[in-house]
Amino acid sequence: MSERPIVIVGAGLAGYTLARELRKQAPEQAIVMICSDSGRNYSKPMLSNAMGMNKTADDLVMATPEAMAEKLNITIRFNSRVTRIDRHSRTLFLGEEPVMYDRLVLAWGAQPIQAPLDGDGLDAVHSINDLDDFHHFQNHSQKELPVVVMGGGLIGCEFANDLVKAGYQVELVSPGEKLLSRLLPDYIAEHLHDKLLDAGVNIRLGPLVTKVDKIESESCVQVHLSNGQTIRAGIVLSAIGLRPRTDLATAAGLEVGDGIRVNRYLQTNDPHIFALGDCAEVEGHVLLYVMPIMSGARALAKTLAGEPTAVNYPAMPVVVKTPACPLVVMPPNESASGHWEFAQENGDYRALFKRHGEVKGFILTGSLVSERAQWIKQVPGPLDT
């Protein structure tokens, strides 16, 4: 066994899950975890439904980094930012401080896409991508003034629903023609739209947010839309998407596409460097959800422990946390041809994407989400042809 440790960069779901799985496989392996934030262990999916349950950032913390270090018998360097990777010497740098590795796992996730906005009120525009972001947003929001949510995708819809549940006025602004445009066909998107409206979310489809100006006399902001409308708001939540973090990987000479390119062993073009989670592009797929992380961490832990194991993703439906309209979505593979068939039961919908009579994807709403296990068995995984 090398005297150098396995170094994991990132203390989110990917990093901590890998550390747990690796410790099972290799009890004596030296492991160092490095993260740029506080390193507290929490469930990131909880961020988009915490306010409706009156939870604070501290309430979501399951363990401190000190407790996790002791539990897993690893070293955790929190509030430490990687600035450079030297592949030739197998060393990464925290500023000028070198940290040597035997193998390196990049699990540093994705970063929010920043909208090109004008105005002097941009300090009122927030993204929520980690626990610290959530704490900052919660401390600066106020129920007396509307919250403008930018984005009608998964995160935008979840936060919009959660905020109205918590008692906030919500204005959801999305330039698309429908909500969850990448996941839902028109029929189901309209159903979600109606349910969110009924819950109290005001939805404006079509325009973009272009400018945010301060209104000093009222301690709020004026949000300008591309259609000429304005919204007086207390805060703006930008939820327009995530982009895998790739800058340091590119600078180190790793192959990068939409994410850090890896094979089914999650190995980059450098045999000593791997990528896991939201930053990884696995055979052309960037899978920004929880279940791919769990599958990847289990396989990678075996590989790092000396048992090369290719990741095998099962069918992994997306659970959309919108209580106004519970959804489970298993989108068909992008290359799949076919058509949607819709059925309604007691106001809820079952949509099946079929090709030659075979189910290639499905969507379940409301009470029908209980059928998830039944349909998962019939659907191929994302890397299956």
Protein backbone atom coordinates (compact mmCIF):
# COMPACT_ATOMS: atom_id res chain seq x y z
CA MET A 1 0.00 0.00 0.00
CA SER A 2 1.34 3.41 -0.94
CA GLU A 3 2.39 5.75 1.85
CA ARG A 4 0.59 8.50 0.00
CA PRO A 5 -3.13 8.89 0.73
CA ILE A 6 -6.12 8.75 -1.54
CA VAL A 7 -7.26 12.37 -1.69
CA ILE A 8 -10.93 13.23 -2.19
CA VAL A 9 -11.67 16.83 -3.15
CA GLY A 10 -15.21 17.72 -2.07
CA ALA A 11 -17.20 17.07 1.09
CA GLY A 12 -20.66 16.92 -0.41
CA LEU A 13 -22.79 13.85 -0.98
CA ALA A 14 -20.29 12.41 -3.48
CA GLY A 15 -17.24 12.93 -1.30
CA TYR A 16 -18.67 11.63 1.95
CA THR A 17 -20.43 8.68 0.29
CA LEU A 18 -17.19 7.63 -1.38
CA ALA A 19 -15.28 7.95 1.90
CA ARG A 20 -17.81 5.70 3.65
CA GLU A 21 -17.76 3.09 0.89
CA LEU A 22 -13.97 3.16 0.59
CA ARG A 23 -13.54 2.71 4.32
CA LYS A 24 -15.66 -0.47 4.10
CA GLN A 25 -13.46 -1.81 1.33
CA ALA A 26 -10.08 -0.67 2.69
CA PRO A 27 -10.10 -0.23 6.49
CA GLU A 28 -6.43 0.80 6.69
CA GLN A 29 -6.22 3.04 3.61
CA ALA A 30 -5.07 6.58 4.34
CA ILE A 31 -7.73 9.03 3.13
CA VAL A 32 -7.57 12.82 3.05
CA MET A 33 -10.64 14.89 2.22
CA ILE A 34 -10.29 18.52 1.14
CA CYS A 35 -13.18 20.95 0.81
CA SER A 36 -13.52 24.69 0.33
CA ASP A 37 -16.52 25.03 2.68
CA SER A 38 -17.17 24.21 6.33
CA GLY A 39 -17.19 20.47 5.66
CA ARG A 40 -20.37 19.86 7.64
CA ASN A 41 -22.23 16.72 6.59
CA TYR A 42 -25.81 17.35 5.43
CA SER A 43 -28.26 16.15 2.81
CA LYS A 44 -28.11 18.55 -0.13
CA PRO A 45 -31.55 17.50 -1.49
CA MET A 46 -33.03 18.85 1.74
CA LEU A 47 -32.08 22.42 0.79
CA SER A 48 -35.06 22.80 -1.54
CA ASN A 49 -37.71 21.73 0.96
CA ALA A 50 -36.24 22.93 4.26
CA MET A 51 -37.93 26.31 4.54
CA GLY A 52 -41.37 24.80 4.24
CA MET A 53 -40.50 22.68 7.27
CA ASN A 54 -39.14 25.71 9.19
CA LYS A 55 -35.62 24.28 9.12
CA THR A 56 -32.50 26.40 9.41
CA ALA A 57 -29.08 25.55 8.00
CA ASP A 58 -27.97 24.33 11.42
CA ASP A 59 -31.02 22.05 11.61
CA LEU A 60 -29.87 20.28 8.43
CA VAL A 61 -26.40 19.45 9.73
CA MET A 62 -26.03 15.75 10.52
CA ALA A 63 -22.41 15.88 11.70
CA THR A 64 -19.46 18.24 12.01
CA PRO A 65 -16.30 17.59 9.98
CA GLU A 66 -14.51 16.68 13.21
CA ALA A 67 -17.14 14.03 13.95
CA MET A 68 -16.99 12.69 10.40
CA ALA A 69 -13.18 12.54 10.51
CA GLU A 70 -13.31 10.49 13.69
CA LYS A 71 -16.12 8.24 12.49
CA LEU A 72 -14.47 7.42 9.16
CA ASN A 73 -10.87 7.59 10.40
CA ILE A 74 -9.91 10.11 7.73
CA THR A 75 -8.24 13.52 7.67
CA ILE A 76 -10.52 16.39 6.64
CA ARG A 77 -9.09 19.75 5.54
CA PHE A 78 -12.10 22.08 5.52
CA ASN A 79 -12.15 25.73 4.42
CA SER A 80 -9.25 24.82 2.14
CA ARG A 81 -9.33 25.55 -1.58
CA VAL A 82 -7.39 23.60 -4.20
CA THR A 83 -5.61 26.04 -6.49
CA ARG A 84 -3.57 23.74 -8.75
CA ILE A 85 -3.00 20.09 -9.63
CA ASP A 86 0.46 18.86 -10.70
CA ARG A 87 -0.19 15.51 -12.33
CA HIS A 88 3.48 14.68 -12.90
CA SER A 89 4.41 14.78 -9.22
CA ARG A 90 0.93 13.68 -8.12
CA THR A 91 0.56 16.76 -5.96
CA LEU A 92 -2.22 19.26 -5.52
CA PHE A 93 -1.78 22.66 -3.95
CA LEU A 94 -3.75 24.61 -1.37
CA GLY A 95 -2.29 27.97 -2.26
CA GLU A 96 1.43 27.27 -1.86
CA GLU A 97 0.94 24.23 0.38
CA PRO A 98 1.54 20.91 -1.41
CA VAL A 99 -0.58 17.82 -0.70
CA MET A 100 0.69 14.60 -2.30
CA TYR A 101 -1.66 11.85 -3.40
CA ASP A 102 -1.48 8.26 -4.54
CA ARG A 103 -4.81 8.61 -6.33
CA LEU A 104 -7.01 11.67 -6.56
CA VAL A 105 -10.81 11.81 -6.73
CA LEU A 106 -12.43 15.03 -7.94
CA ALA A 107 -15.86 15.23 -6.31
CA TRP A 108 -16.19 18.99 -6.18
CA GLY A 109 -19.59 19.14 -7.86
CA ALA A 110 -21.14 21.78 -10.07
CA GLN A 111 -21.52 25.53 -9.76
CA PRO A 112 -24.58 27.70 -10.39
CA ILE A 113 -24.83 29.31 -13.81
CA GLN A 114 -24.75 33.08 -13.40
CA ALA A 115 -27.29 35.10 -15.38
CA PRO A 116 -25.91 38.20 -17.18
CA LEU A 117 -27.86 40.82 -15.22
CA ASP A 118 -27.56 44.60 -15.11
CA GLY A 119 -28.37 46.98 -12.26
CA ASP A 120 -27.05 48.09 -8.90
CA GLY A 121 -29.09 45.58 -6.88
CA LEU A 122 -27.21 42.41 -7.76
CA ASP A 123 -26.27 41.78 -4.14
CA ALA A 124 -29.93 40.80 -3.70
CA VAL A 125 -29.51 37.96 -6.23
CA HIS A 126 -28.66 34.64 -4.58
CA SER A 127 -28.02 31.05 -5.66
CA ILE A 128 -28.40 28.09 -3.31
CA ASN A 129 -25.90 25.34 -4.01
CA ASP A 130 -24.69 24.43 -0.54
CA LEU A 131 -25.43 24.86 3.15
CA ASP A 132 -23.68 28.22 3.43
CA ASP A 133 -25.68 29.58 0.47
CA PHE A 134 -28.90 28.40 2.11
CA HIS A 135 -27.99 30.08 5.41
CA HIS A 136 -27.20 33.35 3.62
CA PHE A 137 -30.43 33.31 1.59
CA GLN A 138 -32.59 32.50 4.60
CA ASN A 139 -31.04 35.31 6.63
CA HIS A 140 -31.69 37.89 3.89
CA SER A 141 -35.20 36.88 2.83
CA GLN A 142 -38.31 38.54 4.23
CA LYS A 143 -41.93 37.45 4.01
CA GLU A 144 -43.24 41.01 3.65
CA LEU A 145 -41.88 41.23 0.08
CA PRO A 146 -42.06 38.78 -2.83
CA VAL A 147 -39.25 36.42 -3.70
CA VAL A 148 -38.46 36.31 -7.41
CA VAL A 149 -37.35 32.82 -8.47
CA MET A 150 -35.45 32.80 -11.75
CA GLY A 151 -35.82 29.48 -13.55
CA GLY A 152 -38.60 27.01 -14.23
CA GLY A 153 -36.50 23.86 -14.03
CA LEU A 154 -36.25 21.29 -11.27
CA ILE A 155 -34.59 23.48 -8.63
CA GLY A 156 -36.66 26.58 -9.45
CA CYS A 157 -39.95 24.69 -9.14
CA GLU A 158 -38.89 22.95 -5.93
CA PHE A 159 -37.81 26.19 -4.27
CA ALA A 160 -40.90 28.05 -5.48
CA ASN A 161 -43.17 25.40 -3.95
CA ASP A 162 -41.14 25.31 -0.74
CA LEU A 163 -41.16 29.09 -0.34
CA VAL A 164 -44.94 29.44 -0.71
CA LYS A 165 -45.34 26.59 1.76
CA ALA A 166 -43.18 28.62 4.16
CA GLY A 167 -45.44 31.65 3.75
CA TYR A 168 -43.54 33.68 1.16
CA GLN A 169 -44.98 35.45 -1.87
CA VAL A 170 -43.31 33.89 -4.91
CA GLU A 171 -42.93 35.15 -8.47
CA LEU A 172 -41.43 32.43 -10.67
CA VAL A 173 -39.96 33.82 -13.90
CA SER A 174 -38.84 31.47 -16.68
CA PRO A 175 -38.07 32.20 -20.34
CA GLY A 176 -39.38 28.82 -21.50
CA GLU A 177 -42.83 27.96 -22.74
CA LYS A 178 -43.40 25.43 -19.95
CA LEU A 179 -42.03 24.28 -16.59
CA LEU A 180 -39.45 21.47 -16.36
CA SER A 181 -39.03 21.64 -20.12
CA ARG A 182 -36.16 19.12 -20.15
CA LEU A 183 -38.06 16.51 -18.17
CA LEU A 184 -41.78 16.82 -18.94
CA PRO A 185 -43.98 16.59 -22.04
CA ASP A 186 -46.48 19.41 -22.49
CA TYR A 187 -49.42 17.60 -20.91
CA ILE A 188 -47.70 16.92 -17.59
CA ALA A 189 -45.96 20.32 -17.58
CA GLU A 190 -49.38 21.99 -17.78
CA HIS A 191 -50.58 19.85 -14.88
CA LEU A 192 -47.61 20.93 -12.74
CA HIS A 193 -48.18 24.56 -13.78
CA ASP A 194 -51.79 24.46 -12.62
CA LYS A 195 -50.91 22.79 -9.31
CA LEU A 196 -48.22 25.36 -8.48
CA LEU A 197 -50.63 28.17 -9.34
CA ASP A 198 -53.19 26.65 -6.99
CA ALA A 199 -50.52 26.48 -4.27
CA GLY A 200 -49.90 30.22 -4.59
CA VAL A 201 -46.93 30.52 -6.95
CA ASN A 202 -47.35 33.31 -9.50
CA ILE A 203 -45.78 32.04 -12.75
CA ARG A 204 -44.51 34.23 -15.59
CA LEU A 205 -43.41 32.17 -18.58
CA GLY A 206 -41.64 33.81 -21.51
CA PRO A 207 -39.63 36.75 -20.15
CA LEU A 208 -36.11 36.88 -18.75
CA VAL A 209 -34.93 38.84 -15.73
CA THR A 210 -32.63 41.48 -17.24
CA LYS A 211 -31.90 43.97 -14.47
CA VAL A 212 -32.15 44.34 -10.70
CA ASP A 213 -32.10 47.85 -9.20
CA LYS A 214 -32.05 48.92 -5.59
CA ILE A 215 -34.94 50.92 -4.17
CA GLU A 216 -33.01 52.50 -1.32
CA SER A 217 -35.98 54.23 0.28
CA GLU A 218 -37.88 50.95 0.66
CA SER A 219 -34.98 48.50 1.33
CA CYS A 220 -36.01 46.34 -1.60
CA VAL A 221 -35.27 45.88 -5.30
CA GLN A 222 -37.01 46.46 -8.61
CA VAL A 223 -36.71 43.43 -10.87
CA HIS A 224 -36.95 44.24 -14.58
CA LEU A 225 -38.17 41.66 -17.10
CA SER A 226 -37.46 41.49 -20.83
CA ASN A 227 -41.14 42.10 -21.63
CA GLY A 228 -41.07 45.49 -19.90
CA GLN A 229 -42.74 44.35 -16.67
CA THR A 230 -41.25 45.02 -13.26
CA ILE A 231 -41.58 43.27 -9.90
CA ARG A 232 -40.95 44.88 -6.54
CA ALA A 233 -39.19 42.21 -4.48
CA GLY A 234 -37.16 41.64 -1.37
CA ILE A 235 -34.77 39.09 -2.81
CA VAL A 236 -34.05 37.14 -6.02
CA LEU A 237 -33.23 33.44 -6.13
CA SER A 238 -31.35 32.41 -9.27
CA ALA A 239 -32.06 28.77 -10.11
CA ILE A 240 -31.25 28.69 -13.82
CA GLY A 241 -29.04 25.62 -13.72
CA LEU A 242 -25.70 24.12 -12.74
CA ARG A 243 -22.48 23.67 -14.68
CA PRO A 244 -19.87 21.04 -13.72
CA ARG A 245 -16.72 22.53 -12.21
CA THR A 246 -13.95 21.87 -14.72
CA ASP A 247 -11.52 24.83 -14.60
CA LEU A 248 -8.81 23.17 -12.49
CA ALA A 249 -9.18 19.92 -14.41
CA THR A 250 -8.70 21.75 -17.71
CA ALA A 251 -5.65 23.56 -16.35
CA ALA A 252 -4.20 20.19 -15.27
CA GLY A 253 -4.59 18.77 -18.76
CA LEU A 254 -7.49 16.43 -18.05
CA GLU A 255 -9.99 15.79 -20.82
CA VAL A 256 -13.09 17.92 -20.39
CA GLY A 257 -16.38 18.11 -22.28
CA ASP A 258 -19.59 19.08 -20.53
CA GLY A 259 -17.88 17.69 -17.42
CA ILE A 260 -14.62 15.97 -16.53
CA ARG A 261 -14.54 13.05 -18.93
CA VAL A 262 -14.25 9.60 -17.35
CA ASN A 263 -14.78 6.00 -18.41
CA ARG A 264 -17.06 3.53 -16.67
CA TYR A 265 -14.41 3.07 -13.98
CA LEU A 266 -14.76 6.84 -13.38
CA GLN A 267 -11.13 7.22 -14.40
CA THR A 268 -9.92 10.27 -16.32
CA ASN A 269 -7.23 10.26 -19.01
CA ASP A 270 -4.78 10.29 -16.08
CA PRO A 271 -4.79 6.79 -14.51
CA HIS A 272 -4.29 8.25 -11.03
CA ILE A 273 -7.19 10.73 -11.19
CA PHE A 274 -10.92 9.95 -11.00
CA ALA A 275 -14.08 12.08 -11.01
CA LEU A 276 -17.37 11.40 -9.26
CA GLY A 277 -20.72 13.14 -9.03
CA ASP A 278 -21.92 16.37 -10.59
CA CYS A 279 -18.52 17.30 -12.05
CA ALA A 280 -18.11 14.03 -13.99
CA GLU A 281 -19.09 13.21 -17.56
CA VAL A 282 -19.47 9.43 -17.76
CA GLU A 283 -19.32 8.28 -21.37
CA GLY A 284 -21.01 11.46 -22.53
CA HIS A 285 -23.53 11.71 -19.68
CA VAL A 286 -23.53 14.30 -16.89
CA LEU A 287 -25.92 12.89 -14.27
CA LEU A 288 -26.78 15.65 -11.78
CA TYR A 289 -28.83 13.61 -9.32
CA VAL A 290 -28.45 11.59 -6.13
CA MET A 291 -28.82 8.02 -7.38
CA PRO A 292 -25.93 8.20 -9.90
CA ILE A 293 -23.67 9.41 -7.09
CA MET A 294 -24.56 6.43 -4.91
CA SER A 295 -23.98 3.92 -7.72
CA GLY A 296 -20.74 5.61 -8.73
CA ALA A 297 -19.37 5.79 -5.18
CA ARG A 298 -19.92 2.09 -4.56
CA ALA A 299 -18.18 1.08 -7.79
CA LEU A 300 -15.31 3.54 -7.39
CA ALA A 301 -14.63 2.46 -3.80
CA LYS A 302 -14.05 -1.09 -5.03
CA THR A 303 -11.80 0.14 -7.83
CA LEU A 304 -9.70 2.24 -5.45
CA ALA A 305 -9.44 -0.72 -3.07
CA GLY A 306 -7.93 -2.89 -5.79
CA GLU A 307 -10.98 -4.51 -7.36
CA PRO A 308 -11.60 -2.69 -10.68
CA THR A 309 -15.36 -2.26 -10.95
CA ALA A 310 -17.19 -0.51 -13.77
CA VAL A 311 -20.14 1.60 -12.72
CA ASN A 312 -23.47 0.15 -13.77
CA TYR A 313 -26.31 2.63 -13.53
CA PRO A 314 -29.79 1.16 -13.17
CA ALA A 315 -32.87 3.06 -14.22
CA MET A 316 -32.77 6.08 -11.93
CA PRO A 317 -35.98 8.13 -11.81
CA VAL A 318 -35.90 11.74 -10.68
CA VAL A 319 -38.07 12.55 -7.66
CA VAL A 320 -39.32 16.13 -7.99
CA LYS A 321 -39.99 17.59 -4.54
CA THR A 322 -43.04 19.71 -5.33
CA PRO A 323 -45.69 18.80 -2.72
CA ALA A 324 -48.33 20.66 -4.74
CA CYS A 325 -47.75 18.09 -7.47
CA PRO A 326 -45.57 15.13 -6.46
CA LEU A 327 -43.67 13.82 -9.48
CA VAL A 328 -41.45 10.88 -10.31
CA VAL A 329 -39.82 11.22 -13.73
CA MET A 330 -37.85 8.59 -15.61
CA PRO A 331 -37.05 10.39 -18.87
CA PRO A 332 -36.24 8.19 -21.86
CA ASN A 333 -32.66 8.17 -23.12
CA GLU A 334 -32.00 11.12 -25.41
CA SER A 335 -31.54 8.86 -28.41
CA ALA A 336 -34.75 6.93 -27.80
CA SER A 337 -37.55 7.26 -30.34
CA GLY A 338 -41.16 6.65 -29.44
CA HIS A 339 -44.25 8.38 -28.12
CA TRP A 340 -45.97 9.25 -24.85
CA GLU A 341 -49.18 7.57 -23.73
CA PHE A 342 -51.19 9.30 -21.00
CA ALA A 343 -53.71 7.93 -18.51
CA GLN A 344 -55.55 9.71 -15.69
CA GLU A 345 -56.75 8.27 -12.39
CA ASN A 346 -58.53 10.43 -9.82
CA GLY A 347 -56.86 13.59 -11.13
CA ASP A 348 -53.35 12.10 -11.20
CA TYR A 349 -51.41 11.09 -14.30
CA ARG A 350 -49.38 8.17 -15.55
CA ALA A 351 -47.38 8.86 -18.70
CA LEU A 352 -45.48 6.04 -20.40
CA PHE A 353 -42.94 6.61 -23.16
CA LYS A 354 -43.16 3.62 -25.48
CA ARG A 355 -41.30 2.30 -28.48
CA HIS A 356 -42.66 -0.78 -30.26
CA GLY A 357 -44.76 -1.52 -27.20
CA GLU A 358 -41.81 -1.42 -24.76
CA VAL A 359 -41.67 1.15 -21.95
CA LYS A 360 -38.57 3.38 -22.28
CA GLY A 361 -39.54 6.06 -19.76
CA PHE A 362 -42.34 7.11 -17.45
CA ILE A 363 -43.82 9.95 -15.41
CA LEU A 364 -46.05 9.50 -12.38
CA THR A 365 -47.88 12.26 -10.51
CA GLY A 366 -49.72 12.51 -7.20
CA SER A 367 -50.80 9.22 -5.66
CA LEU A 368 -49.50 7.28 -8.69
CA VAL A 369 -45.88 7.87 -7.63
CA SER A 370 -46.36 4.72 -5.54
CA GLU A 371 -46.09 2.74 -8.81
CA ARG A 372 -42.44 3.74 -9.26
CA ALA A 373 -40.93 0.33 -8.42
CA GLN A 374 -43.26 -1.39 -10.87
CA TRP A 375 -42.11 0.68 -13.84
CA ILE A 376 -38.40 0.93 -12.96
CA LYS A 377 -38.03 -2.78 -13.75
CA GLN A 378 -39.07 -2.18 -17.35
CA VAL A 379 -36.85 0.79 -18.19
CA PRO A 380 -33.20 0.70 -19.35
CA GLY A 381 -30.46 2.56 -17.50
CA PRO A 382 -28.91 5.77 -18.89
CA LEU A 383 -25.82 4.03 -20.32
CA ASP A 384 -27.75 1.09 -21.78
CA THR A 385 -28.25 1.04 -25.50
